[in-house]
Amino acid sequence: MAKAALKFQSQRLDQLPPDILIKGGWVSTAMALILTLPPLALFIGLYQMADLNIGLAAGIGFGIHFGLLAFSRRISKAIGSLFD
């Protein structure tokens, strides 16, 4: 039985083209905003407006955050395709 070998193409950081760096910066910034702002707004909104217990509001906010995190690969591909 043959062993599977992983091959990584490494490229020095000073030789990366600027378009890859710009795309990576925009995609990571958009991902950070998508994964944090909606759960944070929901947490604050539920706590302030609905008069929920802070633990319950935090649990709902964290649930939404981790739900979005489960789909982060699909979200990242969709955002990345906008820059192609």
N, C-alpha and C. Protein backbone atom coordinates (compact mmCIF):
# COMPACT_ATOMS: atom_id res chain seq x y z
N MET A 1 0.84 -1.17 0.00
CA MET A 1 0.00 0.00 0.00
C MET A 1 0.89 1.24 0.00
N ALA A 2 0.61 2.16 -0.88
CA ALA A 2 1.43 3.37 -1.01
C ALA A 2 0.98 4.41 0.01
N LYS A 3 1.96 5.12 0.52
CA LYS A 3 1.66 6.20 1.47
C LYS A 3 1.26 7.45 0.72
N ALA A 4 0.30 8.14 1.25
CA ALA A 4 -0.10 9.42 0.66
C ALA A 4 0.84 10.50 1.18
N ALA A 5 1.34 11.29 0.30
CA ALA A 5 2.25 12.36 0.69
C ALA A 5 1.62 13.70 0.33
N LEU A 6 1.70 14.62 1.24
CA LEU A 6 1.19 15.96 1.00
C LEU A 6 2.30 16.80 0.36
N LYS A 7 1.94 17.53 -0.64
CA LYS A 7 2.90 18.42 -1.28
C LYS A 7 2.39 19.84 -1.12
N PHE A 8 3.20 20.67 -0.54
CA PHE A 8 2.85 22.08 -0.34
C PHE A 8 3.72 22.93 -1.25
N GLN A 9 3.08 23.83 -1.95
CA GLN A 9 3.84 24.77 -2.74
C GLN A 9 4.10 25.97 -1.86
N SER A 10 5.33 26.20 -1.55
CA SER A 10 5.65 27.34 -0.69
C SER A 10 6.19 28.46 -1.56
N GLN A 11 5.80 29.63 -1.19
CA GLN A 11 6.24 30.82 -1.90
C GLN A 11 6.68 31.82 -0.84
N ARG A 12 7.79 32.44 -1.08
CA ARG A 12 8.28 33.42 -0.11
C ARG A 12 7.32 34.59 -0.03
N LEU A 13 7.19 35.15 1.15
CA LEU A 13 6.24 36.23 1.35
C LEU A 13 6.60 37.49 0.57
N ASP A 14 7.88 37.69 0.32
CA ASP A 14 8.27 38.89 -0.43
C ASP A 14 8.06 38.71 -1.93
N GLN A 15 7.70 37.50 -2.38
CA GLN A 15 7.47 37.26 -3.79
C GLN A 15 5.99 37.06 -4.13
N LEU A 16 5.11 37.28 -3.16
CA LEU A 16 3.68 37.15 -3.44
C LEU A 16 3.20 38.34 -4.26
N PRO A 17 2.35 38.08 -5.23
CA PRO A 17 1.81 39.20 -6.02
C PRO A 17 0.86 40.04 -5.16
N PRO A 18 0.80 41.33 -5.42
CA PRO A 18 -0.04 42.21 -4.60
C PRO A 18 -1.52 41.87 -4.66
N ASP A 19 -2.00 41.31 -5.78
CA ASP A 19 -3.42 41.02 -5.86
C ASP A 19 -3.84 39.92 -4.89
N ILE A 20 -2.96 38.96 -4.61
CA ILE A 20 -3.28 37.92 -3.62
C ILE A 20 -3.34 38.53 -2.23
N LEU A 21 -2.41 39.42 -1.91
CA LEU A 21 -2.41 40.05 -0.59
C LEU A 21 -3.64 40.93 -0.40
N ILE A 22 -4.02 41.67 -1.43
CA ILE A 22 -5.19 42.55 -1.33
C ILE A 22 -6.46 41.73 -1.18
N LYS A 23 -6.59 40.67 -1.99
CA LYS A 23 -7.77 39.81 -1.90
C LYS A 23 -7.85 39.15 -0.53
N GLY A 24 -6.73 38.67 -0.02
CA GLY A 24 -6.72 38.04 1.30
C GLY A 24 -7.11 39.01 2.40
N GLY A 25 -6.65 40.23 2.29
CA GLY A 25 -7.00 41.24 3.30
C GLY A 25 -8.48 41.57 3.29
N TRP A 26 -9.05 41.73 2.09
CA TRP A 26 -10.47 42.06 2.00
C TRP A 26 -11.35 40.90 2.43
N VAL A 27 -10.98 39.68 2.04
CA VAL A 27 -11.79 38.52 2.40
C VAL A 27 -11.74 38.29 3.91
N SER A 28 -10.58 38.42 4.51
CA SER A 28 -10.49 38.20 5.95
C SER A 28 -11.20 39.30 6.74
N THR A 29 -11.16 40.53 6.25
CA THR A 29 -11.89 41.61 6.91
C THR A 29 -13.39 41.40 6.81
N ALA A 30 -13.85 41.01 5.63
CA ALA A 30 -15.28 40.75 5.45
C ALA A 30 -15.74 39.57 6.30
N MET A 31 -14.92 38.53 6.38
CA MET A 31 -15.27 37.38 7.22
C MET A 31 -15.35 37.78 8.69
N ALA A 32 -14.42 38.59 9.14
CA ALA A 32 -14.44 39.03 10.53
C ALA A 32 -15.71 39.82 10.83
N LEU A 33 -16.11 40.68 9.91
CA LEU A 33 -17.32 41.47 10.12
C LEU A 33 -18.57 40.60 10.09
N ILE A 34 -18.63 39.64 9.18
CA ILE A 34 -19.80 38.77 9.06
C ILE A 34 -19.93 37.86 10.29
N LEU A 35 -18.81 37.39 10.81
CA LEU A 35 -18.86 36.46 11.93
C LEU A 35 -19.06 37.14 13.28
N THR A 36 -18.80 38.44 13.38
CA THR A 36 -18.91 39.08 14.69
C THR A 36 -20.06 40.08 14.82
N LEU A 37 -20.32 40.87 13.80
CA LEU A 37 -21.32 41.94 13.97
C LEU A 37 -22.76 41.45 14.13
N PRO A 38 -23.26 40.52 13.31
CA PRO A 38 -24.65 40.09 13.54
C PRO A 38 -24.88 39.44 14.91
N PRO A 39 -24.01 38.53 15.38
CA PRO A 39 -24.24 37.98 16.71
C PRO A 39 -24.13 39.03 17.82
N LEU A 40 -23.21 39.98 17.65
CA LEU A 40 -23.07 41.03 18.66
C LEU A 40 -24.29 41.93 18.69
N ALA A 41 -24.80 42.30 17.52
CA ALA A 41 -26.00 43.13 17.46
C ALA A 41 -27.20 42.39 18.03
N LEU A 42 -27.31 41.10 17.75
CA LEU A 42 -28.41 40.31 18.29
C LEU A 42 -28.30 40.20 19.81
N PHE A 43 -27.10 39.98 20.32
CA PHE A 43 -26.89 39.89 21.76
C PHE A 43 -27.29 41.20 22.45
N ILE A 44 -26.80 42.31 21.94
CA ILE A 44 -27.10 43.61 22.56
C ILE A 44 -28.58 43.95 22.40
N GLY A 45 -29.13 43.68 21.22
CA GLY A 45 -30.54 43.97 21.00
C GLY A 45 -31.45 43.16 21.89
N LEU A 46 -31.19 41.88 22.03
CA LEU A 46 -32.02 41.05 22.89
C LEU A 46 -31.89 41.44 24.36
N TYR A 47 -30.68 41.78 24.75
CA TYR A 47 -30.48 42.14 26.15
C TYR A 47 -31.14 43.48 26.49
N GLN A 48 -31.03 44.44 25.59
CA GLN A 48 -31.56 45.77 25.87
C GLN A 48 -33.06 45.87 25.62
N MET A 49 -33.51 45.35 24.50
CA MET A 49 -34.90 45.57 24.10
C MET A 49 -35.87 44.52 24.62
N ALA A 50 -35.45 43.28 24.65
CA ALA A 50 -36.37 42.21 25.04
C ALA A 50 -36.29 41.90 26.53
N ASP A 51 -35.41 42.56 27.24
CA ASP A 51 -35.23 42.35 28.68
C ASP A 51 -34.99 40.88 29.03
N LEU A 52 -34.19 40.22 28.19
CA LEU A 52 -33.82 38.84 28.48
C LEU A 52 -32.67 38.82 29.47
N ASN A 53 -32.52 37.71 30.12
CA ASN A 53 -31.38 37.49 31.00
C ASN A 53 -30.11 37.60 30.16
N ILE A 54 -29.06 38.14 30.73
CA ILE A 54 -27.81 38.33 29.96
C ILE A 54 -27.24 36.99 29.52
N GLY A 55 -27.41 35.96 30.33
CA GLY A 55 -26.92 34.64 29.94
C GLY A 55 -27.66 34.07 28.75
N LEU A 56 -28.98 34.26 28.71
CA LEU A 56 -29.77 33.78 27.59
C LEU A 56 -29.46 34.56 26.32
N ALA A 57 -29.32 35.88 26.44
CA ALA A 57 -28.97 36.70 25.29
C ALA A 57 -27.58 36.34 24.77
N ALA A 58 -26.64 36.10 25.68
CA ALA A 58 -25.29 35.70 25.26
C ALA A 58 -25.31 34.32 24.61
N GLY A 59 -26.10 33.42 25.14
CA GLY A 59 -26.21 32.08 24.54
C GLY A 59 -26.75 32.13 23.12
N ILE A 60 -27.76 32.97 22.89
CA ILE A 60 -28.31 33.11 21.55
C ILE A 60 -27.28 33.75 20.62
N GLY A 61 -26.57 34.77 21.09
CA GLY A 61 -25.53 35.40 20.28
C GLY A 61 -24.40 34.45 19.94
N PHE A 62 -23.95 33.66 20.92
CA PHE A 62 -22.90 32.69 20.65
C PHE A 62 -23.39 31.59 19.72
N GLY A 63 -24.66 31.20 19.86
CA GLY A 63 -25.21 30.19 18.96
C GLY A 63 -25.21 30.66 17.51
N ILE A 64 -25.61 31.90 17.29
CA ILE A 64 -25.58 32.46 15.93
C ILE A 64 -24.14 32.55 15.43
N HIS A 65 -23.23 32.96 16.30
CA HIS A 65 -21.82 33.07 15.91
C HIS A 65 -21.26 31.72 15.47
N PHE A 66 -21.50 30.69 16.24
CA PHE A 66 -20.97 29.38 15.89
C PHE A 66 -21.73 28.75 14.73
N GLY A 67 -22.99 29.12 14.55
CA GLY A 67 -23.72 28.69 13.37
C GLY A 67 -23.11 29.28 12.10
N LEU A 68 -22.77 30.57 12.16
CA LEU A 68 -22.09 31.20 11.02
C LEU A 68 -20.70 30.61 10.81
N LEU A 69 -20.04 30.27 11.90
CA LEU A 69 -18.71 29.69 11.81
C LEU A 69 -18.74 28.34 11.10
N ALA A 70 -19.84 27.61 11.26
CA ALA A 70 -19.97 26.32 10.59
C ALA A 70 -20.01 26.49 9.07
N PHE A 71 -20.51 27.62 8.60
CA PHE A 71 -20.59 27.87 7.16
C PHE A 71 -19.50 28.81 6.68
N SER A 72 -18.44 28.97 7.45
CA SER A 72 -17.41 29.95 7.11
C SER A 72 -16.68 29.61 5.81
N ARG A 73 -16.51 28.35 5.50
CA ARG A 73 -15.84 27.98 4.25
C ARG A 73 -16.67 28.41 3.05
N ARG A 74 -17.97 28.19 3.10
CA ARG A 74 -18.84 28.60 2.00
C ARG A 74 -18.90 30.13 1.89
N ILE A 75 -18.96 30.80 3.03
CA ILE A 75 -19.00 32.26 3.03
C ILE A 75 -17.70 32.81 2.44
N SER A 76 -16.58 32.23 2.83
CA SER A 76 -15.28 32.68 2.32
C SER A 76 -15.18 32.48 0.81
N LYS A 77 -15.65 31.34 0.31
CA LYS A 77 -15.61 31.11 -1.14
C LYS A 77 -16.50 32.11 -1.87
N ALA A 78 -17.66 32.41 -1.30
CA ALA A 78 -18.56 33.37 -1.95
C ALA A 78 -17.94 34.77 -1.99
N ILE A 79 -17.32 35.17 -0.89
CA ILE A 79 -16.67 36.49 -0.86
C ILE A 79 -15.47 36.51 -1.79
N GLY A 80 -14.70 35.43 -1.80
CA GLY A 80 -13.53 35.35 -2.68
C GLY A 80 -13.91 35.41 -4.14
N SER A 81 -15.06 34.83 -4.48
CA SER A 81 -15.48 34.85 -5.89
C SER A 81 -15.86 36.26 -6.34
N LEU A 82 -16.18 37.14 -5.41
CA LEU A 82 -16.48 38.53 -5.78
C LEU A 82 -15.23 39.26 -6.29
N PHE A 83 -14.06 38.82 -5.86
CA PHE A 83 -12.82 39.48 -6.22
C PHE A 83 -12.12 38.84 -7.42
N ASP A 84 -12.70 37.81 -7.99
CA ASP A 84 -12.08 37.15 -9.16
C ASP A 84 -12.44 37.86 -10.44
